[in-house]
Amino acid sequence: MLDHWKHHRFSILFIFVAALLYWGFAYEIEREETTKVIGIWVTLFFLSYKIIQSNPNNWKLLAFTGILFRVIFLFAIPNLSQDFYRFIWDGRMLLEGFNPYLSLPEAWIANGNAPIAEAQALYEGMGQLNGSHYTNYPPISQLCYLIAAVGSSTSILGSAILLRVIIILADVGTFYFGMKLLKALHLPEKRIFWYILNPFIIIELTGNLHFEAVMVFFIVWSLYLLHKGNWLWAAVLLGLSVSVKLIPLLFLPLFFRKFVDLKQGNPRNLTFGLLKLTGFYCLVLGTVFLTFAPFLSYDFLYNFKKTISLWFQTFEFNASIYYVVRWVGFQIVGWNIIGTAGKILPLITISILLILTFLRNKMTPQLITSMLLGISVYYFLSTTVHPWYIAVPLVLCIFTHYRFPIVWSLAVILSYTAYAHPDFKENLSLIGLEYLAVFAMLGWEIYRNEGLFRSDQ
């Protein structure tokens, strides 16, 4: 025991201090206390770096530490996000036999006949903005909410605990398949800990109950199977990831070159590749359709589309390039052009994704690099970039030569300074500082790699 302490005393000290800070973050801090939030956040990043640096090959210790930090949050009510109240609402509505896509929480509250326990508390928790819009969380997310409702239909804390257990299990799965994929790609397996021990992931996903964790798990598992040649099950898993969060749909064009080698002169091989690609796409979209099938109706499609459109044409938060476009719009026309920009910027993203499709070969590392750059461009052009969105770029980067999402996961905490104002006002200077760090790192890495793709990828 003494010998173990002698060799690991600094690591144990770092873990102990980090555990105390996570405890304070989980049970004592409010998001309006931005100075404390940023201070603890930055300190935890430093401690995580030291823990990983001190134990690069001790994956058992690092894995145990990652679980320990997550378990600390087990009995905490999320303090940086209120979305989980809507998760619980949707799950309990499903449990009572109601389609959560067809009704508004505010309508149930106004009529005073909500069929679920703690309805008023859930509505007040989610806020008027969330309660006045139809839910846009896809079916696999809804399944997780239902599981929480089955296990705890009358306790908000009980439901939060069950949601957190699901997220922790998803992170364990990401760790397992992430390690296997890194090994298969002949990359250092310790890279997985830049996801597992990243304070951003621990706080935003485990702490604040965002289901990007489950989506990431399915994406990493899918990529591992695809690399091993099992494209059938890889497609199903990618479809499940879409049914957690819709964002993986952006990746579909990028799989073209994984199946179709345009440099092959044999028409038969080209045809075979196109058939496999078609099968892959059909399985992905078929899986998505099957998960949505129990909810399908005209009203569902109308409500779902309406809510999704709001994110592109109404809401603004933590944007980068869009804020520059908005400023230019004010100078030219004198008003906020979000309605127009929200329609044009996604088209630019799709164009860039199509270009990325033909910039690389069929190797898995280049596919993942294209996915990373594609989703990053999407967020750079988006009107709304909530901090937890960065989980996907972060996990993808550990399989590439890029590290700018790690910088982004540190700097994104500056977006929470908006909560320091009673009227939720963003500090655009700090948002600019956040993206200055991200773009500077990205620019340096592109320069270092002598282009978007390295020859050894």
Protein backbone atom coordinates (compact mmCIF):
# COMPACT_ATOMS: atom_id res chain seq x y z
CA MET A 1 0.00 0.00 0.00
CA LEU A 2 2.82 2.40 0.92
CA ASP A 3 4.63 1.53 -2.29
CA HIS A 4 1.47 2.23 -4.31
CA TRP A 5 1.05 5.60 -2.58
CA LYS A 6 4.71 6.45 -3.20
CA HIS A 7 4.44 5.86 -6.94
CA HIS A 8 0.98 7.38 -7.41
CA ARG A 9 0.74 10.01 -4.68
CA PHE A 10 0.45 12.96 -7.06
CA SER A 11 -2.14 11.17 -9.22
CA ILE A 12 -4.18 10.28 -6.14
CA LEU A 13 -3.93 13.88 -4.94
CA PHE A 14 -5.09 15.20 -8.34
CA ILE A 15 -7.99 12.72 -8.39
CA PHE A 16 -9.03 13.64 -4.84
CA VAL A 17 -9.00 17.39 -5.56
CA ALA A 18 -10.88 16.88 -8.82
CA ALA A 19 -13.48 14.75 -7.02
CA LEU A 20 -14.04 17.53 -4.49
CA LEU A 21 -14.45 20.08 -7.29
CA TYR A 22 -16.91 17.85 -9.14
CA TRP A 23 -18.88 17.45 -5.92
CA GLY A 24 -19.01 21.20 -5.45
CA PHE A 25 -20.01 21.69 -9.08
CA ALA A 26 -22.78 19.09 -8.82
CA TYR A 27 -24.35 20.15 -5.52
CA GLU A 28 -23.33 23.71 -4.71
CA ILE A 29 -22.88 25.78 -7.89
CA GLU A 30 -25.59 27.66 -9.81
CA ARG A 31 -25.08 28.57 -13.46
CA GLU A 32 -25.48 32.28 -12.65
CA GLU A 33 -22.25 32.11 -10.63
CA THR A 34 -20.15 32.36 -13.77
CA THR A 35 -16.87 33.25 -12.07
CA LYS A 36 -17.03 30.09 -9.94
CA VAL A 37 -18.25 27.99 -12.86
CA ILE A 38 -15.40 29.09 -15.13
CA GLY A 39 -12.82 28.82 -12.35
CA ILE A 40 -13.76 25.24 -11.45
CA TRP A 41 -14.09 24.30 -15.13
CA VAL A 42 -10.58 25.47 -16.01
CA THR A 43 -9.10 23.88 -12.89
CA LEU A 44 -10.73 20.55 -13.71
CA PHE A 45 -9.25 20.67 -17.21
CA PHE A 46 -5.79 21.20 -15.73
CA LEU A 47 -6.28 18.33 -13.26
CA SER A 48 -7.56 16.00 -16.00
CA TYR A 49 -4.51 16.80 -18.11
CA LYS A 50 -2.20 16.01 -15.19
CA ILE A 51 -4.04 12.77 -14.38
CA ILE A 52 -3.77 11.55 -17.97
CA GLN A 53 -0.19 12.77 -18.34
CA SER A 54 0.88 11.00 -15.14
CA ASN A 55 -0.76 7.67 -16.06
CA PRO A 56 -0.58 7.32 -19.86
CA ASN A 57 -0.57 3.53 -19.79
CA ASN A 58 -2.58 2.84 -16.62
CA TRP A 59 -5.95 2.56 -18.33
CA LYS A 60 -7.53 0.76 -15.36
CA LEU A 61 -6.82 3.70 -13.05
CA LEU A 62 -7.98 6.21 -15.64
CA ALA A 63 -11.15 4.24 -16.39
CA PHE A 64 -11.96 3.91 -12.67
CA THR A 65 -11.38 7.66 -12.27
CA GLY A 66 -13.76 8.42 -15.12
CA ILE A 67 -16.50 6.31 -13.51
CA LEU A 68 -15.83 7.82 -10.08
CA PHE A 69 -16.23 11.37 -11.38
CA ARG A 70 -19.53 10.44 -13.06
CA VAL A 71 -20.94 8.65 -10.02
CA ILE A 72 -20.38 11.81 -7.98
CA PHE A 73 -23.21 13.42 -10.00
CA LEU A 74 -25.60 10.51 -9.43
CA PHE A 75 -27.94 12.23 -6.97
CA ALA A 76 -27.59 15.78 -8.30
CA ILE A 77 -30.24 17.84 -10.07
CA PRO A 78 -28.65 19.37 -13.22
CA ASN A 79 -27.61 22.96 -12.62
CA LEU A 80 -26.45 24.18 -16.05
CA SER A 81 -29.44 23.03 -18.12
CA GLN A 82 -33.17 22.63 -17.60
CA ASP A 83 -33.83 20.42 -20.63
CA PHE A 84 -34.06 17.30 -18.48
CA TYR A 85 -37.42 18.45 -17.12
CA ARG A 86 -38.81 18.11 -20.65
CA PHE A 87 -37.17 14.68 -20.96
CA ILE A 88 -39.00 13.53 -17.84
CA TRP A 89 -42.26 15.11 -19.05
CA ASP A 90 -42.06 13.28 -22.39
CA GLY A 91 -41.24 9.96 -20.73
CA ARG A 92 -44.15 10.18 -18.32
CA MET A 93 -46.53 11.16 -21.13
CA LEU A 94 -45.44 8.05 -23.02
CA LEU A 95 -45.95 5.93 -19.92
CA GLU A 96 -49.53 7.20 -19.68
CA GLY A 97 -50.15 6.33 -23.32
CA PHE A 98 -49.94 9.84 -24.81
CA ASN A 99 -47.89 10.72 -27.89
CA PRO A 100 -45.47 13.43 -26.64
CA TYR A 101 -45.09 14.85 -30.17
CA LEU A 102 -48.75 15.87 -30.41
CA SER A 103 -49.32 18.12 -27.40
CA LEU A 104 -47.77 21.09 -25.63
CA PRO A 105 -46.94 21.08 -21.92
CA GLU A 106 -48.34 24.60 -21.61
CA ALA A 107 -51.71 23.41 -22.97
CA TRP A 108 -51.95 20.66 -20.35
CA ILE A 109 -51.00 23.09 -17.59
CA ALA A 110 -53.46 25.74 -18.80
CA ASN A 111 -56.29 23.17 -18.81
CA GLY A 112 -55.23 21.82 -15.42
CA ASN A 113 -55.61 18.20 -16.52
CA ALA A 114 -52.03 16.98 -17.06
CA PRO A 115 -52.09 13.17 -16.68
CA ILE A 116 -48.65 12.88 -15.06
CA ALA A 117 -47.24 13.38 -11.57
CA GLU A 118 -45.38 16.62 -10.72
CA ALA A 119 -46.66 18.25 -13.92
CA GLN A 120 -46.53 21.79 -12.55
CA ALA A 121 -43.00 21.35 -11.20
CA LEU A 122 -41.82 19.87 -14.49
CA TYR A 123 -43.40 22.69 -16.50
CA GLU A 124 -41.86 25.37 -14.27
CA GLY A 125 -38.52 23.57 -14.45
CA MET A 126 -38.41 23.32 -18.25
CA GLY A 127 -39.42 26.98 -18.62
CA GLN A 128 -42.05 28.72 -20.71
CA LEU A 129 -39.93 28.62 -23.90
CA ASN A 130 -39.51 24.84 -23.81
CA GLY A 131 -43.07 24.23 -22.63
CA SER A 132 -44.56 26.26 -25.49
CA HIS A 133 -42.93 24.19 -28.26
CA TYR A 134 -43.50 20.64 -29.44
CA THR A 135 -40.84 18.15 -28.48
CA ASN A 136 -38.14 17.45 -31.08
CA TYR A 137 -36.32 14.60 -29.34
CA PRO A 138 -36.22 11.49 -31.59
CA PRO A 139 -37.60 8.05 -30.60
CA ILE A 140 -34.52 6.38 -29.09
CA SER A 141 -34.15 9.38 -26.78
CA GLN A 142 -37.84 9.04 -25.99
CA LEU A 143 -37.26 5.37 -25.16
CA CYS A 144 -34.65 6.41 -22.58
CA TYR A 145 -37.11 8.91 -21.11
CA LEU A 146 -39.73 6.17 -20.94
CA ILE A 147 -37.34 3.87 -19.07
CA ALA A 148 -36.82 6.64 -16.50
CA ALA A 149 -40.59 7.05 -16.19
CA VAL A 150 -41.14 3.32 -15.69
CA GLY A 151 -38.55 3.28 -12.92
CA SER A 152 -39.64 6.52 -11.28
CA SER A 153 -42.97 8.04 -12.29
CA THR A 154 -43.47 10.28 -9.24
CA SER A 155 -39.98 11.57 -8.35
CA ILE A 156 -38.01 14.06 -10.43
CA LEU A 157 -34.79 13.10 -8.66
CA GLY A 158 -35.51 9.40 -9.19
CA SER A 159 -36.05 9.97 -12.91
CA ALA A 160 -32.86 12.05 -13.11
CA ILE A 161 -30.88 9.24 -11.47
CA LEU A 162 -32.15 6.68 -13.99
CA LEU A 163 -31.40 8.98 -16.94
CA ARG A 164 -27.91 9.48 -15.55
CA VAL A 165 -27.33 5.73 -15.23
CA ILE A 166 -28.21 5.31 -18.92
CA ILE A 167 -25.73 8.05 -19.87
CA ILE A 168 -22.97 6.55 -17.72
CA LEU A 169 -23.53 3.14 -19.33
CA ALA A 170 -23.34 4.79 -22.76
CA ASP A 171 -19.99 6.35 -21.83
CA VAL A 172 -18.74 2.93 -20.72
CA GLY A 173 -19.73 1.61 -24.15
CA THR A 174 -17.95 4.51 -25.86
CA PHE A 175 -14.84 3.73 -23.82
CA TYR A 176 -14.95 0.05 -24.81
CA PHE A 177 -15.51 0.49 -28.54
CA GLY A 178 -13.37 3.63 -28.66
CA MET A 179 -10.42 1.66 -27.32
CA LYS A 180 -11.05 -1.13 -29.85
CA LEU A 181 -11.28 1.33 -32.74
CA LEU A 182 -8.09 3.14 -31.71
CA LYS A 183 -6.29 -0.19 -31.50
CA ALA A 184 -7.63 -1.24 -34.91
CA LEU A 185 -6.41 2.05 -36.41
CA HIS A 186 -2.98 1.59 -34.73
CA LEU A 187 -3.46 4.77 -32.71
CA PRO A 188 -2.56 5.26 -29.02
CA GLU A 189 -5.40 3.82 -26.94
CA LYS A 190 -4.85 6.46 -24.24
CA ARG A 191 -6.48 9.00 -26.56
CA ILE A 192 -9.90 7.75 -25.44
CA PHE A 193 -9.35 9.44 -22.10
CA TRP A 194 -9.49 12.88 -23.73
CA TYR A 195 -13.15 12.00 -24.02
CA ILE A 196 -13.73 9.89 -20.90
CA LEU A 197 -11.92 12.25 -18.51
CA ASN A 198 -12.83 15.49 -20.26
CA PRO A 199 -14.62 17.72 -17.69
CA PHE A 200 -16.85 19.03 -20.47
CA ILE A 201 -18.17 15.51 -21.14
CA ILE A 202 -18.55 14.66 -17.46
CA ILE A 203 -20.38 17.88 -16.57
CA GLU A 204 -22.45 18.48 -19.72
CA LEU A 205 -23.50 14.90 -20.43
CA THR A 206 -23.46 12.99 -17.13
CA GLY A 207 -24.09 16.07 -15.00
CA ASN A 208 -26.66 17.87 -17.15
CA LEU A 209 -28.24 14.77 -18.68
CA HIS A 210 -27.71 15.43 -22.37
CA PHE A 211 -28.16 12.36 -24.53
CA GLU A 212 -25.34 13.18 -26.90
CA ALA A 213 -23.62 10.50 -24.80
CA VAL A 214 -25.93 7.81 -26.21
CA MET A 215 -25.62 9.18 -29.75
CA VAL A 216 -21.81 9.17 -29.48
CA PHE A 217 -21.87 5.57 -28.24
CA PHE A 218 -23.78 4.40 -31.33
CA ILE A 219 -21.54 6.44 -33.68
CA VAL A 220 -18.30 5.00 -32.26
CA TRP A 221 -19.68 1.45 -32.25
CA SER A 222 -20.86 1.92 -35.85
CA LEU A 223 -17.45 3.22 -36.98
CA TYR A 224 -15.70 0.28 -35.35
CA LEU A 225 -17.92 -2.26 -37.10
CA LEU A 226 -17.58 -0.41 -40.41
CA HIS A 227 -13.81 -0.47 -40.12
CA LYS A 228 -13.99 -4.22 -39.48
CA GLY A 229 -16.08 -4.68 -42.62
CA ASN A 230 -19.43 -5.34 -40.91
CA TRP A 231 -21.28 -2.60 -42.77
CA LEU A 232 -24.74 -4.12 -42.23
CA TRP A 233 -24.76 -3.72 -38.45
CA ALA A 234 -22.76 -0.49 -38.76
CA ALA A 235 -25.66 0.96 -40.75
CA VAL A 236 -28.22 -0.14 -38.16
CA LEU A 237 -26.21 1.44 -35.35
CA LEU A 238 -25.76 4.66 -37.31
CA GLY A 239 -29.53 4.72 -37.79
CA LEU A 240 -30.00 4.32 -34.04
CA SER A 241 -27.65 7.26 -33.46
CA VAL A 242 -29.84 9.37 -35.76
CA SER A 243 -32.85 8.31 -33.69
CA VAL A 244 -31.14 9.68 -30.58
CA LYS A 245 -30.22 13.02 -32.18
CA LEU A 246 -30.76 13.86 -35.84
CA ILE A 247 -27.29 15.35 -36.35
CA PRO A 248 -25.60 12.13 -37.72
CA LEU A 249 -27.73 12.51 -40.86
CA LEU A 250 -25.10 15.06 -41.91
CA PHE A 251 -22.55 12.28 -42.21
CA LEU A 252 -24.41 10.22 -44.83
CA PRO A 253 -22.83 11.82 -47.95
CA LEU A 254 -19.36 11.22 -46.50
CA PHE A 255 -19.75 7.42 -46.67
CA PHE A 256 -19.81 7.48 -50.48
CA ARG A 257 -16.06 7.02 -50.91
CA LYS A 258 -15.95 4.40 -48.15
CA PHE A 259 -17.91 2.10 -50.47
CA VAL A 260 -17.18 3.48 -53.94
CA ASP A 261 -13.61 3.72 -55.23
CA LEU A 262 -13.74 6.05 -58.21
CA LYS A 263 -10.13 5.26 -59.08
CA GLN A 264 -10.92 1.64 -59.87
CA GLY A 265 -11.09 1.01 -63.57
CA ASN A 266 -13.25 -2.11 -63.21
CA PRO A 267 -16.93 -1.19 -63.85
CA ARG A 268 -18.00 -4.35 -62.04
CA ASN A 269 -16.28 -3.27 -58.82
CA LEU A 270 -17.76 0.20 -59.18
CA THR A 271 -21.25 -1.25 -59.56
CA PHE A 272 -20.74 -3.55 -56.56
CA GLY A 273 -19.59 -0.58 -54.46
CA LEU A 274 -22.66 1.44 -55.46
CA LEU A 275 -24.93 -1.47 -54.53
CA LYS A 276 -23.32 -1.78 -51.10
CA LEU A 277 -23.59 1.97 -50.60
CA THR A 278 -27.28 1.85 -51.51
CA GLY A 279 -27.78 -1.01 -49.08
CA PHE A 280 -25.98 0.94 -46.36
CA TYR A 281 -28.14 4.01 -46.90
CA CYS A 282 -31.32 1.93 -47.00
CA LEU A 283 -30.46 0.24 -43.70
CA VAL A 284 -29.64 3.54 -42.01
CA LEU A 285 -32.82 5.25 -43.18
CA GLY A 286 -34.88 2.10 -42.67
CA THR A 287 -33.74 1.89 -39.05
CA VAL A 288 -34.65 5.54 -38.53
CA PHE A 289 -38.06 4.98 -40.14
CA LEU A 290 -38.81 1.94 -37.96
CA THR A 291 -38.05 3.86 -34.76
CA PHE A 292 -40.28 6.75 -35.86
CA ALA A 293 -43.07 4.49 -37.19
CA PRO A 294 -45.10 4.24 -33.93
CA PHE A 295 -45.43 8.03 -33.84
CA LEU A 296 -46.03 8.81 -37.51
CA SER A 297 -48.97 10.98 -38.46
CA TYR A 298 -49.58 14.20 -40.34
CA ASP A 299 -49.70 16.16 -37.06
CA PHE A 300 -46.43 14.62 -35.92
CA LEU A 301 -44.65 15.55 -39.15
CA TYR A 302 -46.01 19.09 -39.05
CA ASN A 303 -45.12 19.66 -35.37
CA PHE A 304 -41.68 18.07 -35.68
CA LYS A 305 -40.76 20.09 -38.77
CA LYS A 306 -42.04 23.30 -37.18
CA THR A 307 -39.91 22.82 -34.06
CA ILE A 308 -36.78 21.88 -36.02
CA SER A 309 -37.19 24.99 -38.21
CA LEU A 310 -37.22 27.20 -35.12
CA TRP A 311 -33.63 26.22 -34.33
CA PHE A 312 -32.45 27.50 -37.70
CA GLN A 313 -34.62 30.60 -38.11
CA THR A 314 -35.44 31.90 -34.61
CA PHE A 315 -32.99 30.92 -31.87
CA GLU A 316 -29.49 32.39 -31.45
CA PHE A 317 -26.85 31.27 -28.99
CA ASN A 318 -23.06 30.87 -28.97
CA ALA A 319 -22.76 31.23 -32.74
CA SER A 320 -19.54 32.19 -34.52
CA ILE A 321 -19.63 32.92 -38.26
CA TYR A 322 -23.38 33.52 -38.09
CA TYR A 323 -22.87 36.43 -35.67
CA VAL A 324 -20.52 38.02 -38.21
CA VAL A 325 -23.13 37.48 -40.94
CA ARG A 326 -25.79 38.97 -38.65
CA TRP A 327 -23.64 42.05 -38.02
CA VAL A 328 -23.11 42.53 -41.76
CA GLY A 329 -26.86 42.18 -42.25
CA PHE A 330 -27.53 44.94 -39.72
CA GLN A 331 -25.11 47.21 -41.58
CA ILE A 332 -26.73 46.54 -44.96
CA VAL A 333 -30.47 46.17 -44.30
CA GLY A 334 -30.77 47.40 -40.72
CA TRP A 335 -32.40 44.35 -39.13
CA ASN A 336 -31.69 40.79 -37.99
CA ILE A 337 -31.47 38.53 -41.05
CA ILE A 338 -31.74 35.24 -39.15
CA GLY A 339 -34.76 34.16 -41.19
CA THR A 340 -32.78 34.38 -44.43
CA ALA A 341 -29.41 33.27 -43.04
CA GLY A 342 -31.04 30.31 -41.28
CA LYS A 343 -32.12 28.98 -44.69
CA ILE A 344 -28.91 29.71 -46.61
CA LEU A 345 -26.23 28.61 -44.12
CA PRO A 346 -27.40 24.96 -43.98
CA LEU A 347 -27.17 24.83 -47.79
CA ILE A 348 -23.57 26.03 -47.57
CA THR A 349 -22.90 23.28 -45.03
CA ILE A 350 -24.32 20.63 -47.36
CA SER A 351 -22.16 21.94 -50.22
CA ILE A 352 -19.03 21.71 -48.06
CA LEU A 353 -19.96 18.17 -46.99
CA LEU A 354 -20.25 17.14 -50.64
CA ILE A 355 -16.83 18.65 -51.35
CA LEU A 356 -15.32 16.77 -48.40
CA THR A 357 -16.79 13.57 -49.79
CA PHE A 358 -14.49 13.74 -52.83
CA LEU A 359 -11.36 15.09 -51.09
CA ARG A 360 -10.23 11.82 -49.56
CA ASN A 361 -9.76 8.11 -50.09
CA LYS A 362 -11.77 5.26 -48.57
CA MET A 363 -9.61 4.75 -45.46
CA THR A 364 -11.43 4.94 -42.11
CA PRO A 365 -9.18 7.69 -40.62
CA GLN A 366 -9.96 9.96 -43.58
CA LEU A 367 -13.68 9.19 -43.25
CA ILE A 368 -13.58 10.20 -39.59
CA THR A 369 -11.55 13.32 -40.41
CA SER A 370 -14.21 14.29 -42.97
CA MET A 371 -16.92 13.70 -40.37
CA LEU A 372 -15.05 15.90 -37.89
CA LEU A 373 -14.51 18.75 -40.34
CA GLY A 374 -18.04 18.45 -41.70
CA ILE A 375 -19.83 18.68 -38.38
CA SER A 376 -17.48 21.44 -37.22
CA VAL A 377 -18.32 23.50 -40.30
CA TYR A 378 -22.00 22.88 -39.59
CA TYR A 379 -21.63 24.26 -36.06
CA PHE A 380 -19.45 27.16 -37.21
CA LEU A 381 -22.29 28.21 -39.52
CA SER A 382 -25.15 27.47 -37.11
CA THR A 383 -27.27 30.09 -35.37
CA THR A 384 -27.37 28.05 -32.16
CA VAL A 385 -24.50 26.03 -30.68
CA HIS A 386 -25.30 24.74 -27.22
CA PRO A 387 -22.18 23.56 -25.38
CA TRP A 388 -23.17 19.89 -25.32
CA TYR A 389 -23.27 19.81 -29.13
CA ILE A 390 -19.47 19.72 -29.15
CA ALA A 391 -19.46 16.14 -27.82
CA VAL A 392 -19.49 14.71 -31.36
CA PRO A 393 -16.53 16.73 -32.73
CA LEU A 394 -14.68 15.94 -29.51
CA VAL A 395 -15.06 12.17 -29.76
CA LEU A 396 -14.25 12.17 -33.49
CA CYS A 397 -11.06 14.15 -33.04
CA ILE A 398 -9.39 11.46 -30.94
CA PHE A 399 -9.29 9.23 -34.05
CA THR A 400 -7.65 11.98 -36.15
CA HIS A 401 -4.69 14.37 -36.06
CA TYR A 402 -6.89 17.27 -34.99
CA ARG A 403 -7.22 18.58 -31.43
CA PHE A 404 -9.14 21.84 -31.86
CA PRO A 405 -12.36 20.30 -30.40
CA ILE A 406 -10.47 19.77 -27.13
CA VAL A 407 -9.71 23.50 -27.07
CA TRP A 408 -13.36 24.13 -27.96
CA SER A 409 -14.56 21.95 -25.07
CA LEU A 410 -12.49 24.12 -22.72
CA ALA A 411 -13.40 27.50 -24.21
CA VAL A 412 -17.14 26.80 -24.60
CA ILE A 413 -17.70 27.54 -20.92
CA LEU A 414 -17.46 31.23 -21.84
CA SER A 415 -20.90 30.91 -23.43
CA TYR A 416 -22.40 30.42 -19.96
CA THR A 417 -21.61 34.02 -19.07
CA ALA A 418 -24.98 34.80 -20.68
CA TYR A 419 -26.67 33.43 -17.56
CA ALA A 420 -24.98 36.08 -15.40
CA HIS A 421 -27.55 38.55 -16.76
CA PRO A 422 -31.17 38.33 -15.59
CA ASP A 423 -32.31 38.92 -19.20
CA PHE A 424 -29.95 36.28 -20.61
CA LYS A 425 -27.58 38.53 -22.51
CA GLU A 426 -24.55 37.12 -24.30
CA ASN A 427 -21.15 38.75 -23.91
CA LEU A 428 -20.09 38.82 -27.55
CA SER A 429 -16.50 39.71 -26.63
CA LEU A 430 -16.19 36.45 -24.71
CA ILE A 431 -17.92 34.50 -27.47
CA GLY A 432 -15.38 36.04 -29.85
CA LEU A 433 -12.57 34.95 -27.53
CA GLU A 434 -13.96 31.40 -27.47
CA TYR A 435 -13.97 31.10 -31.25
CA LEU A 436 -10.69 32.94 -31.67
CA ALA A 437 -9.06 30.14 -29.67
CA VAL A 438 -10.86 27.45 -31.68
CA PHE A 439 -10.11 28.94 -35.11
CA ALA A 440 -6.51 29.67 -34.18
CA MET A 441 -5.99 26.04 -33.17
CA LEU A 442 -7.78 24.76 -36.28
CA GLY A 443 -5.76 27.04 -38.55
CA TRP A 444 -2.48 25.96 -36.98
CA GLU A 445 -3.41 22.29 -37.31
CA ILE A 446 -4.35 22.65 -40.98
CA TYR A 447 -1.02 24.41 -41.58
CA ARG A 448 0.86 21.72 -39.66
CA ASN A 449 -0.89 18.96 -41.61
CA GLU A 450 -0.15 20.80 -44.88
CA GLY A 451 -3.83 20.76 -45.80
CA LEU A 452 -7.06 19.26 -44.54
CA PHE A 453 -5.78 15.69 -44.75
CA ARG A 454 -2.41 14.22 -43.92
CA SER A 455 -0.91 11.73 -46.30
CA ASP A 456 -0.74 9.06 -43.58
CA GLN A 457 -4.46 9.22 -42.82
